Amino acid sequence: MATLSLYMSDAARRDLPADALEKTKQHLLDTLAAMVSGGELPPGQVALKFARAHDAEKTSTIVGTNILCSAIDAALVNGMLAHSDETDDSHAPSHSHPGCAVVPAALAAGEHFGVSGVRVLRAVALGYDIGTRVTMTLGGFR
């Protein structure tokens, strides 16, 4: 566990290789598009209704709207939007859809804590890296 913790904590300072950075940007943009389109569908509309109903700390944006929520609520709602129309990415070896969890969490936390775009991209890359590995270790979602 110490090795994993060190790997994760060092990720904020590690430069991403050019190909990993490009792939991370593609995943980020793909997931943002899924969030926007998901907001037009019934599951997304329910998520937006949830976001509007909560009067919590207003630090993080719901993608495609002017709604601000707590970071936790924004991550949840944006994740629901991303998965609403099933256009979010897939990782076949882990049988998972990492983008709808990783990207919303990184965006919400990044906005809440005011971190740079570079740190958000590193967080997204780390989320894909660790999330898919852990899921594969556990046997993937079935």
Foldseek 3Di string as FASTA:
>chain_A
DVVVVVVVVCLLVDDDPPVLLVVLVVLLVQLLVQLQVLCVDPQLVVLVVVQVPDPADFQADQRPDPGGDQLVSSLVSSLSSSPNVPSADADVLQRDRQSSRQNSNLRSVCRNVVHDPSSSSSSSSVSVVVVSVVSNVVPHDD
